[in-house]
Amino acid sequence: MATANKNLSEYDKNQLPDAKDFTFGIVVSEWNTKVTEGLYNGCETALLDCGVKPENITRWNVPGSFELIYGASRMRQALTVDAIITIGCVIKGETMHFEFVCEGVTQGVKDLNVKGDVPVVFCVLTDNNEEQSLARSGGSHGNKGTEAAITAIRMADLRKRTSGQNSKMGFK
């Protein structure tokens, strides 16, 4: 969880798995582009900094945050990737739309993780105003996109280390 004193862009490459052979898909919402582009830039920069090859990063755009679920689902079916990162931003307004979209996207990404073999990382800002979102997409709180990239590397490594162990672990 982000706090006022936590910079989301801080990580130690020496504490991370080797990412040079991993492939990543990134699904980016086109809504609130000032924020989502900042998140994407932080994500891509961190992946490249950690040794991911540029050709091993695929980006797909979708209209809004709610569409991230379908985009990630289709990406998992169409591409061979080690992890998928969903990038979006929902800013609270005067109606219940915020609550419905946030809950739907959260549950949708959770469902993709429960029902699939490729980890889907949730990088959707759900803030009260644009100022908070900008602070978390390259501003004073760092970049949640950077944090999502590091999470994706760690989850791709977990997937790799546990691949083929389902029968040993009692999973079907």
N, C-alpha and C. Protein backbone atom coordinates (compact mmCIF):
# COMPACT_ATOMS: atom_id res chain seq x y z
N MET A 1 0.84 -1.17 0.00
CA MET A 1 0.00 0.00 0.00
C MET A 1 0.89 1.24 0.00
N ALA A 2 0.52 2.21 -0.81
CA ALA A 2 1.29 3.45 -0.90
C ALA A 2 0.97 4.36 0.28
N THR A 3 1.99 4.97 0.80
CA THR A 3 1.80 5.96 1.85
C THR A 3 2.50 7.24 1.43
N ALA A 4 2.27 8.31 2.17
CA ALA A 4 2.84 9.61 1.81
C ALA A 4 4.36 9.57 1.79
N ASN A 5 4.99 8.69 2.54
CA ASN A 5 6.45 8.65 2.62
C ASN A 5 7.07 7.57 1.73
N LYS A 6 6.28 6.83 1.00
CA LYS A 6 6.78 5.72 0.20
C LYS A 6 6.87 6.13 -1.26
N ASN A 7 8.06 6.00 -1.84
CA ASN A 7 8.25 6.26 -3.25
C ASN A 7 8.09 4.92 -3.98
N LEU A 8 7.11 4.84 -4.85
CA LEU A 8 6.79 3.59 -5.52
C LEU A 8 7.83 3.16 -6.54
N SER A 9 8.74 4.05 -6.88
CA SER A 9 9.73 3.74 -7.91
C SER A 9 11.01 3.11 -7.38
N GLU A 10 11.12 2.90 -6.09
CA GLU A 10 12.35 2.37 -5.50
C GLU A 10 12.36 0.84 -5.56
N TYR A 11 13.44 0.29 -6.10
CA TYR A 11 13.65 -1.16 -6.12
C TYR A 11 15.14 -1.44 -6.23
N ASP A 12 15.52 -2.64 -5.86
CA ASP A 12 16.91 -3.06 -5.93
C ASP A 12 17.00 -4.20 -6.94
N LYS A 13 17.59 -3.93 -8.10
CA LYS A 13 17.70 -4.94 -9.15
C LYS A 13 18.41 -6.19 -8.67
N ASN A 14 19.32 -6.04 -7.73
CA ASN A 14 20.08 -7.18 -7.23
C ASN A 14 19.22 -8.14 -6.43
N GLN A 15 18.07 -7.70 -6.00
CA GLN A 15 17.16 -8.54 -5.22
C GLN A 15 16.08 -9.19 -6.10
N LEU A 16 16.16 -8.98 -7.41
CA LEU A 16 15.13 -9.47 -8.33
C LEU A 16 15.64 -10.66 -9.14
N PRO A 17 14.72 -11.50 -9.59
CA PRO A 17 15.10 -12.59 -10.50
C PRO A 17 15.62 -12.04 -11.82
N ASP A 18 16.38 -12.85 -12.53
CA ASP A 18 16.87 -12.48 -13.86
C ASP A 18 15.67 -12.42 -14.80
N ALA A 19 15.46 -11.28 -15.43
CA ALA A 19 14.27 -11.07 -16.25
C ALA A 19 14.58 -11.05 -17.75
N LYS A 20 15.80 -11.31 -18.14
CA LYS A 20 16.18 -11.12 -19.54
C LYS A 20 15.42 -12.02 -20.52
N ASP A 21 14.95 -13.16 -20.08
CA ASP A 21 14.25 -14.07 -20.98
C ASP A 21 12.73 -14.05 -20.81
N PHE A 22 12.24 -13.22 -19.91
CA PHE A 22 10.79 -13.14 -19.70
C PHE A 22 10.14 -12.29 -20.78
N THR A 23 8.87 -12.59 -21.05
CA THR A 23 8.06 -11.79 -21.97
C THR A 23 6.87 -11.23 -21.19
N PHE A 24 6.53 -9.98 -21.52
CA PHE A 24 5.45 -9.30 -20.80
C PHE A 24 4.46 -8.67 -21.76
N GLY A 25 3.21 -8.75 -21.40
CA GLY A 25 2.16 -8.03 -22.10
C GLY A 25 1.67 -6.92 -21.20
N ILE A 26 1.42 -5.77 -21.78
CA ILE A 26 0.90 -4.63 -21.02
C ILE A 26 -0.36 -4.14 -21.72
N VAL A 27 -1.46 -4.13 -20.99
CA VAL A 27 -2.72 -3.63 -21.52
C VAL A 27 -2.98 -2.29 -20.86
N VAL A 28 -3.13 -1.24 -21.69
CA VAL A 28 -3.20 0.13 -21.20
C VAL A 28 -4.53 0.77 -21.57
N SER A 29 -5.20 1.34 -20.57
CA SER A 29 -6.43 2.09 -20.80
C SER A 29 -6.12 3.44 -21.43
N GLU A 30 -6.92 3.83 -22.41
CA GLU A 30 -6.76 5.12 -23.05
C GLU A 30 -7.51 6.23 -22.31
N TRP A 31 -8.27 5.88 -21.28
CA TRP A 31 -8.99 6.88 -20.49
C TRP A 31 -8.02 7.44 -19.45
N ASN A 32 -8.04 8.73 -19.21
CA ASN A 32 -7.10 9.41 -18.30
C ASN A 32 -5.66 9.20 -18.79
N THR A 33 -5.43 9.47 -20.07
CA THR A 33 -4.14 9.15 -20.70
C THR A 33 -2.96 9.86 -20.05
N LYS A 34 -3.16 11.03 -19.52
CA LYS A 34 -2.04 11.72 -18.86
C LYS A 34 -1.48 10.84 -17.74
N VAL A 35 -2.36 10.16 -17.06
CA VAL A 35 -1.96 9.27 -15.96
C VAL A 35 -1.49 7.92 -16.50
N THR A 36 -2.28 7.31 -17.39
CA THR A 36 -1.93 5.96 -17.85
C THR A 36 -0.63 5.95 -18.66
N GLU A 37 -0.35 7.00 -19.40
CA GLU A 37 0.93 7.07 -20.11
C GLU A 37 2.09 7.18 -19.13
N GLY A 38 1.90 7.94 -18.05
CA GLY A 38 2.92 8.01 -17.01
C GLY A 38 3.17 6.65 -16.37
N LEU A 39 2.09 5.93 -16.10
CA LEU A 39 2.21 4.58 -15.53
C LEU A 39 2.92 3.65 -16.51
N TYR A 40 2.52 3.71 -17.79
CA TYR A 40 3.16 2.87 -18.79
C TYR A 40 4.65 3.18 -18.90
N ASN A 41 5.00 4.45 -18.94
CA ASN A 41 6.41 4.82 -19.05
C ASN A 41 7.22 4.30 -17.87
N GLY A 42 6.68 4.40 -16.66
CA GLY A 42 7.37 3.86 -15.49
C GLY A 42 7.51 2.35 -15.57
N CYS A 43 6.47 1.69 -16.05
CA CYS A 43 6.48 0.23 -16.18
C CYS A 43 7.52 -0.21 -17.21
N GLU A 44 7.46 0.36 -18.39
CA GLU A 44 8.39 -0.02 -19.46
C GLU A 44 9.84 0.28 -19.06
N THR A 45 10.08 1.43 -18.48
CA THR A 45 11.43 1.81 -18.06
C THR A 45 11.99 0.80 -17.05
N ALA A 46 11.17 0.40 -16.08
CA ALA A 46 11.63 -0.56 -15.07
C ALA A 46 11.90 -1.93 -15.70
N LEU A 47 11.03 -2.38 -16.59
CA LEU A 47 11.25 -3.67 -17.24
C LEU A 47 12.57 -3.66 -18.01
N LEU A 48 12.79 -2.61 -18.78
CA LEU A 48 14.03 -2.51 -19.56
C LEU A 48 15.24 -2.41 -18.63
N ASP A 49 15.12 -1.65 -17.57
CA ASP A 49 16.21 -1.49 -16.60
C ASP A 49 16.57 -2.83 -15.96
N CYS A 50 15.59 -3.70 -15.82
CA CYS A 50 15.82 -5.01 -15.20
C CYS A 50 16.23 -6.07 -16.21
N GLY A 51 16.52 -5.67 -17.44
CA GLY A 51 17.07 -6.59 -18.43
C GLY A 51 16.09 -7.18 -19.41
N VAL A 52 14.83 -6.81 -19.35
CA VAL A 52 13.86 -7.33 -20.32
C VAL A 52 14.19 -6.71 -21.69
N LYS A 53 14.18 -7.55 -22.71
CA LYS A 53 14.46 -7.08 -24.07
C LYS A 53 13.25 -6.31 -24.60
N PRO A 54 13.48 -5.22 -25.31
CA PRO A 54 12.35 -4.43 -25.84
C PRO A 54 11.37 -5.27 -26.67
N GLU A 55 11.90 -6.21 -27.43
CA GLU A 55 11.02 -7.05 -28.26
C GLU A 55 10.20 -8.04 -27.43
N ASN A 56 10.49 -8.16 -26.14
CA ASN A 56 9.73 -9.05 -25.26
C ASN A 56 8.65 -8.30 -24.47
N ILE A 57 8.36 -7.08 -24.90
CA ILE A 57 7.30 -6.29 -24.29
C ILE A 57 6.27 -5.95 -25.36
N THR A 58 5.04 -6.38 -25.15
CA THR A 58 3.96 -6.09 -26.09
C THR A 58 2.92 -5.22 -25.41
N ARG A 59 2.53 -4.14 -26.07
CA ARG A 59 1.52 -3.23 -25.54
C ARG A 59 0.26 -3.29 -26.39
N TRP A 60 -0.88 -3.40 -25.71
CA TRP A 60 -2.18 -3.28 -26.35
C TRP A 60 -2.94 -2.17 -25.63
N ASN A 61 -3.63 -1.34 -26.38
CA ASN A 61 -4.48 -0.30 -25.80
C ASN A 61 -5.93 -0.74 -25.83
N VAL A 62 -6.67 -0.32 -24.81
CA VAL A 62 -8.12 -0.52 -24.75
C VAL A 62 -8.75 0.82 -24.37
N PRO A 63 -10.05 1.01 -24.66
CA PRO A 63 -10.66 2.32 -24.42
C PRO A 63 -10.65 2.79 -22.97
N GLY A 64 -10.98 1.92 -22.04
CA GLY A 64 -11.08 2.34 -20.64
C GLY A 64 -10.64 1.25 -19.69
N SER A 65 -10.71 1.54 -18.40
CA SER A 65 -10.25 0.58 -17.40
C SER A 65 -11.11 -0.69 -17.36
N PHE A 66 -12.41 -0.56 -17.58
CA PHE A 66 -13.27 -1.74 -17.55
C PHE A 66 -12.87 -2.73 -18.65
N GLU A 67 -12.37 -2.22 -19.76
CA GLU A 67 -11.98 -3.07 -20.88
C GLU A 67 -10.63 -3.75 -20.68
N LEU A 68 -9.93 -3.40 -19.62
CA LEU A 68 -8.65 -4.06 -19.32
C LEU A 68 -8.82 -5.56 -19.14
N ILE A 69 -9.94 -5.96 -18.57
CA ILE A 69 -10.19 -7.38 -18.31
C ILE A 69 -10.24 -8.17 -19.62
N TYR A 70 -11.04 -7.69 -20.56
CA TYR A 70 -11.14 -8.36 -21.85
C TYR A 70 -9.79 -8.32 -22.57
N GLY A 71 -9.13 -7.17 -22.55
CA GLY A 71 -7.84 -7.06 -23.21
C GLY A 71 -6.83 -8.04 -22.66
N ALA A 72 -6.77 -8.17 -21.33
CA ALA A 72 -5.84 -9.11 -20.71
C ALA A 72 -6.21 -10.55 -21.02
N SER A 73 -7.50 -10.84 -21.03
CA SER A 73 -7.96 -12.19 -21.35
C SER A 73 -7.59 -12.57 -22.78
N ARG A 74 -7.82 -11.67 -23.72
CA ARG A 74 -7.47 -11.93 -25.12
C ARG A 74 -5.96 -12.03 -25.32
N MET A 75 -5.22 -11.18 -24.60
CA MET A 75 -3.76 -11.22 -24.71
C MET A 75 -3.24 -12.57 -24.24
N ARG A 76 -3.79 -13.06 -23.14
CA ARG A 76 -3.36 -14.35 -22.61
C ARG A 76 -3.63 -15.47 -23.62
N GLN A 77 -4.72 -15.36 -24.38
CA GLN A 77 -5.05 -16.37 -25.38
C GLN A 77 -4.22 -16.24 -26.65
N ALA A 78 -3.89 -15.00 -27.03
CA ALA A 78 -3.26 -14.74 -28.32
C ALA A 78 -1.73 -14.77 -28.29
N LEU A 79 -1.14 -14.46 -27.14
CA LEU A 79 0.31 -14.34 -27.07
C LEU A 79 0.88 -15.29 -26.03
N THR A 80 2.14 -15.60 -26.19
CA THR A 80 2.87 -16.35 -25.16
C THR A 80 3.62 -15.32 -24.34
N VAL A 81 3.14 -15.08 -23.13
CA VAL A 81 3.78 -14.13 -22.23
C VAL A 81 3.93 -14.77 -20.85
N ASP A 82 4.87 -14.26 -20.09
CA ASP A 82 5.10 -14.78 -18.74
C ASP A 82 4.27 -14.05 -17.69
N ALA A 83 3.84 -12.83 -18.01
CA ALA A 83 2.96 -12.07 -17.12
C ALA A 83 2.32 -10.94 -17.93
N ILE A 84 1.17 -10.49 -17.46
CA ILE A 84 0.44 -9.39 -18.08
C ILE A 84 0.24 -8.32 -17.03
N ILE A 85 0.41 -7.08 -17.43
CA ILE A 85 0.20 -5.94 -16.54
C ILE A 85 -0.96 -5.13 -17.09
N THR A 86 -1.95 -4.85 -16.25
CA THR A 86 -3.08 -4.02 -16.66
C THR A 86 -2.88 -2.63 -16.06
N ILE A 87 -2.93 -1.61 -16.92
CA ILE A 87 -2.68 -0.24 -16.49
C ILE A 87 -3.93 0.61 -16.76
N GLY A 88 -4.45 1.21 -15.71
CA GLY A 88 -5.62 2.07 -15.85
C GLY A 88 -5.70 3.10 -14.74
N CYS A 89 -6.70 3.96 -14.85
CA CYS A 89 -6.91 5.00 -13.85
C CYS A 89 -8.39 5.34 -13.80
N VAL A 90 -8.97 5.23 -12.62
CA VAL A 90 -10.37 5.61 -12.41
C VAL A 90 -10.37 6.69 -11.34
N ILE A 91 -10.91 7.85 -11.70
CA ILE A 91 -10.95 8.98 -10.76
C ILE A 91 -12.39 9.20 -10.32
N LYS A 92 -12.57 9.32 -9.02
CA LYS A 92 -13.90 9.45 -8.43
C LYS A 92 -14.60 10.69 -8.97
N GLY A 93 -15.85 10.52 -9.31
CA GLY A 93 -16.69 11.63 -9.77
C GLY A 93 -17.89 11.78 -8.85
N GLU A 94 -18.93 12.33 -9.39
CA GLU A 94 -20.13 12.62 -8.59
C GLU A 94 -21.14 11.49 -8.59
N THR A 95 -20.91 10.44 -9.37
CA THR A 95 -21.88 9.35 -9.46
C THR A 95 -21.27 8.04 -8.95
N MET A 96 -22.07 7.00 -8.92
CA MET A 96 -21.63 5.68 -8.47
C MET A 96 -20.76 4.96 -9.50
N HIS A 97 -20.59 5.55 -10.68
CA HIS A 97 -19.79 4.94 -11.75
C HIS A 97 -18.43 4.50 -11.24
N PHE A 98 -17.78 5.33 -10.43
CA PHE A 98 -16.46 5.02 -9.88
C PHE A 98 -16.47 3.69 -9.14
N GLU A 99 -17.42 3.52 -8.24
CA GLU A 99 -17.48 2.29 -7.43
C GLU A 99 -17.71 1.07 -8.30
N PHE A 100 -18.62 1.18 -9.27
CA PHE A 100 -18.93 0.03 -10.13
C PHE A 100 -17.72 -0.35 -10.99
N VAL A 101 -17.07 0.63 -11.58
CA VAL A 101 -15.91 0.33 -12.42
C VAL A 101 -14.78 -0.25 -11.58
N CYS A 102 -14.47 0.38 -10.45
CA CYS A 102 -13.37 -0.11 -9.61
C CYS A 102 -13.61 -1.54 -9.15
N GLU A 103 -14.81 -1.83 -8.68
CA GLU A 103 -15.10 -3.19 -8.22
C GLU A 103 -15.06 -4.18 -9.38
N GLY A 104 -15.62 -3.80 -10.53
CA GLY A 104 -15.63 -4.70 -11.68
C GLY A 104 -14.23 -5.03 -12.16
N VAL A 105 -13.38 -4.01 -12.25
CA VAL A 105 -12.01 -4.24 -12.73
C VAL A 105 -11.23 -5.07 -11.71
N THR A 106 -11.38 -4.75 -10.45
CA THR A 106 -10.68 -5.50 -9.40
C THR A 106 -11.09 -6.97 -9.43
N GLN A 107 -12.38 -7.23 -9.47
CA GLN A 107 -12.86 -8.62 -9.50
C GLN A 107 -12.47 -9.31 -10.80
N GLY A 108 -12.51 -8.58 -11.91
CA GLY A 108 -12.14 -9.17 -13.19
C GLY A 108 -10.68 -9.61 -13.23
N VAL A 109 -9.79 -8.78 -12.73
CA VAL A 109 -8.37 -9.15 -12.70
C VAL A 109 -8.16 -10.31 -11.72
N LYS A 110 -8.86 -10.27 -10.61
CA LYS A 110 -8.78 -11.40 -9.66
C LYS A 110 -9.21 -12.68 -10.34
N ASP A 111 -10.32 -12.64 -11.07
CA ASP A 111 -10.82 -13.83 -11.77
C ASP A 111 -9.81 -14.34 -12.79
N LEU A 112 -9.18 -13.44 -13.53
CA LEU A 112 -8.16 -13.87 -14.50
C LEU A 112 -7.02 -14.61 -13.80
N ASN A 113 -6.65 -14.16 -12.62
CA ASN A 113 -5.57 -14.82 -11.88
C ASN A 113 -6.00 -16.17 -11.34
N VAL A 114 -7.21 -16.27 -10.87
CA VAL A 114 -7.70 -17.53 -10.31
C VAL A 114 -7.89 -18.58 -11.40
N LYS A 115 -8.34 -18.16 -12.57
CA LYS A 115 -8.71 -19.09 -13.63
C LYS A 115 -7.64 -19.30 -14.69
N GLY A 116 -6.50 -18.64 -14.56
CA GLY A 116 -5.51 -18.75 -15.61
C GLY A 116 -4.13 -19.10 -15.10
N ASP A 117 -3.27 -19.41 -16.05
CA ASP A 117 -1.90 -19.81 -15.72
C ASP A 117 -0.93 -18.63 -15.79
N VAL A 118 -1.30 -17.56 -16.47
CA VAL A 118 -0.42 -16.40 -16.61
C VAL A 118 -0.86 -15.34 -15.59
N PRO A 119 0.07 -14.90 -14.73
CA PRO A 119 -0.30 -13.89 -13.74
C PRO A 119 -0.67 -12.56 -14.41
N VAL A 120 -1.71 -11.93 -13.87
CA VAL A 120 -2.16 -10.63 -14.35
C VAL A 120 -1.98 -9.64 -13.20
N VAL A 121 -1.16 -8.64 -13.42
CA VAL A 121 -0.82 -7.66 -12.38
C VAL A 121 -1.77 -6.47 -12.48
N PHE A 122 -2.29 -6.06 -11.35
CA PHE A 122 -3.26 -4.96 -11.24
C PHE A 122 -2.50 -3.65 -11.03
N CYS A 123 -2.52 -2.79 -12.03
CA CYS A 123 -1.92 -1.45 -11.91
C CYS A 123 -2.99 -0.44 -12.34
N VAL A 124 -4.03 -0.38 -11.54
CA VAL A 124 -5.14 0.54 -11.81
C VAL A 124 -5.25 1.48 -10.62
N LEU A 125 -5.00 2.75 -10.88
CA LEU A 125 -5.15 3.74 -9.83
C LEU A 125 -6.63 4.04 -9.62
N THR A 126 -7.04 4.11 -8.37
CA THR A 126 -8.43 4.41 -8.02
C THR A 126 -8.39 5.55 -7.01
N ASP A 127 -8.28 6.75 -7.52
CA ASP A 127 -8.04 7.91 -6.68
C ASP A 127 -9.25 8.84 -6.62
N ASN A 128 -9.22 9.73 -5.64
CA ASN A 128 -10.30 10.70 -5.45
C ASN A 128 -10.21 11.87 -6.42
N ASN A 129 -9.01 12.16 -6.94
CA ASN A 129 -8.85 13.28 -7.86
C ASN A 129 -7.62 13.06 -8.73
N GLU A 130 -7.53 13.88 -9.77
CA GLU A 130 -6.41 13.75 -10.72
C GLU A 130 -5.07 14.02 -10.05
N GLU A 131 -5.03 14.94 -9.12
CA GLU A 131 -3.79 15.26 -8.41
C GLU A 131 -3.19 14.02 -7.74
N GLN A 132 -4.04 13.22 -7.08
CA GLN A 132 -3.56 12.00 -6.44
C GLN A 132 -3.02 11.02 -7.48
N SER A 133 -3.71 10.91 -8.61
CA SER A 133 -3.27 9.99 -9.66
C SER A 133 -1.95 10.42 -10.26
N LEU A 134 -1.79 11.71 -10.50
CA LEU A 134 -0.52 12.21 -11.06
C LEU A 134 0.63 12.01 -10.09
N ALA A 135 0.35 12.12 -8.79
CA ALA A 135 1.39 11.90 -7.78
C ALA A 135 1.88 10.45 -7.78
N ARG A 136 1.05 9.53 -8.25
CA ARG A 136 1.37 8.10 -8.23
C ARG A 136 1.75 7.56 -9.61
N SER A 137 1.82 8.43 -10.60
CA SER A 137 2.16 8.00 -11.96
C SER A 137 3.38 8.76 -12.49
N GLY A 138 4.31 9.02 -11.59
CA GLY A 138 5.54 9.71 -11.95
C GLY A 138 5.73 11.00 -11.18
N GLY A 139 4.86 11.27 -10.23
CA GLY A 139 4.95 12.49 -9.44
C GLY A 139 5.61 12.26 -8.09
N SER A 140 5.12 12.96 -7.09
CA SER A 140 5.77 12.97 -5.78
C SER A 140 5.79 11.62 -5.06
N HIS A 141 4.90 10.71 -5.42
CA HIS A 141 4.90 9.38 -4.80
C HIS A 141 5.59 8.33 -5.67
N GLY A 142 6.25 8.77 -6.73
CA GLY A 142 6.93 7.83 -7.61
C GLY A 142 6.00 7.35 -8.70
N ASN A 143 6.08 6.08 -9.02
CA ASN A 143 5.31 5.56 -10.14
C ASN A 143 4.82 4.15 -9.85
N LYS A 144 3.53 4.00 -9.74
CA LYS A 144 2.90 2.70 -9.51
C LYS A 144 3.19 1.74 -10.69
N GLY A 145 3.41 2.30 -11.89
CA GLY A 145 3.79 1.47 -13.05
C GLY A 145 5.11 0.77 -12.83
N THR A 146 6.05 1.46 -12.19
CA THR A 146 7.33 0.84 -11.84
C THR A 146 7.10 -0.32 -10.89
N GLU A 147 6.29 -0.09 -9.88
CA GLU A 147 5.98 -1.14 -8.91
C GLU A 147 5.32 -2.34 -9.59
N ALA A 148 4.43 -2.08 -10.55
CA ALA A 148 3.76 -3.16 -11.27
C ALA A 148 4.76 -3.98 -12.08
N ALA A 149 5.73 -3.31 -12.69
CA ALA A 149 6.76 -4.03 -13.45
C ALA A 149 7.56 -4.97 -12.55
N ILE A 150 7.93 -4.49 -11.39
CA ILE A 150 8.70 -5.32 -10.45
C ILE A 150 7.85 -6.50 -9.97
N THR A 151 6.59 -6.24 -9.71
CA THR A 151 5.67 -7.32 -9.33
C THR A 151 5.55 -8.34 -10.44
N ALA A 152 5.44 -7.88 -11.68
CA ALA A 152 5.31 -8.79 -12.82
C ALA A 152 6.55 -9.67 -12.97
N ILE A 153 7.72 -9.10 -12.78
CA ILE A 153 8.97 -9.89 -12.85
C ILE A 153 8.95 -10.97 -11.77
N ARG A 154 8.58 -10.60 -10.58
CA ARG A 154 8.56 -11.58 -9.49
C ARG A 154 7.51 -12.67 -9.72
N MET A 155 6.35 -12.29 -10.27
CA MET A 155 5.30 -13.27 -10.54
C MET A 155 5.68 -14.17 -11.72
N ALA A 156 6.33 -13.61 -12.73
CA ALA A 156 6.80 -14.43 -13.86
C ALA A 156 7.80 -15.47 -13.36
N ASP A 157 8.66 -15.05 -12.44
CA ASP A 157 9.64 -15.97 -11.86
C ASP A 157 8.94 -17.06 -11.04
N LEU A 158 7.94 -16.69 -10.27
CA LEU A 158 7.17 -17.67 -9.49
C LEU A 158 6.52 -18.68 -10.43
N ARG A 159 5.93 -18.19 -11.51
CA ARG A 159 5.30 -19.07 -12.49
C ARG A 159 6.33 -20.04 -13.07
N LYS A 160 7.49 -19.52 -13.42
CA LYS A 160 8.55 -20.35 -14.00
C LYS A 160 9.01 -21.41 -13.00
N ARG A 161 9.23 -21.02 -11.75
CA ARG A 161 9.73 -21.95 -10.74
C ARG A 161 8.71 -23.02 -10.37
N THR A 162 7.43 -22.73 -10.52
CA THR A 162 6.39 -23.69 -10.11
C THR A 162 5.73 -24.38 -11.29
N SER A 163 6.17 -24.08 -12.50
CA SER A 163 5.59 -24.70 -13.69
C SER A 163 5.80 -26.21 -13.64
N GLY A 164 4.73 -26.94 -13.89
CA GLY A 164 4.82 -28.39 -13.89
C GLY A 164 4.72 -29.01 -12.50
N GLN A 165 4.54 -28.19 -11.49
CA GLN A 165 4.46 -28.71 -10.12
C GLN A 165 3.03 -28.87 -9.63
N ASN A 166 2.05 -28.62 -10.51
CA ASN A 166 0.66 -28.70 -10.07
C ASN A 166 0.31 -30.06 -9.47
N SER A 167 0.77 -31.13 -10.11
CA SER A 167 0.44 -32.45 -9.56
C SER A 167 1.08 -32.67 -8.20
N LYS A 168 2.29 -32.14 -8.00
CA LYS A 168 2.96 -32.29 -6.70
C LYS A 168 2.28 -31.47 -5.61
N MET A 169 1.64 -30.36 -6.02
CA MET A 169 1.05 -29.45 -5.06
C MET A 169 -0.43 -29.76 -4.83
N GLY A 170 -0.97 -30.74 -5.53
CA GLY A 170 -2.36 -31.09 -5.35
C GLY A 170 -3.32 -30.27 -6.18
N PHE A 171 -2.81 -29.50 -7.17
CA PHE A 171 -3.67 -28.70 -8.05
C PHE A 171 -4.03 -29.52 -9.27
N LYS A 172 -5.14 -29.18 -9.86
CA LYS A 172 -5.57 -29.83 -11.10
C LYS A 172 -5.70 -28.81 -12.19
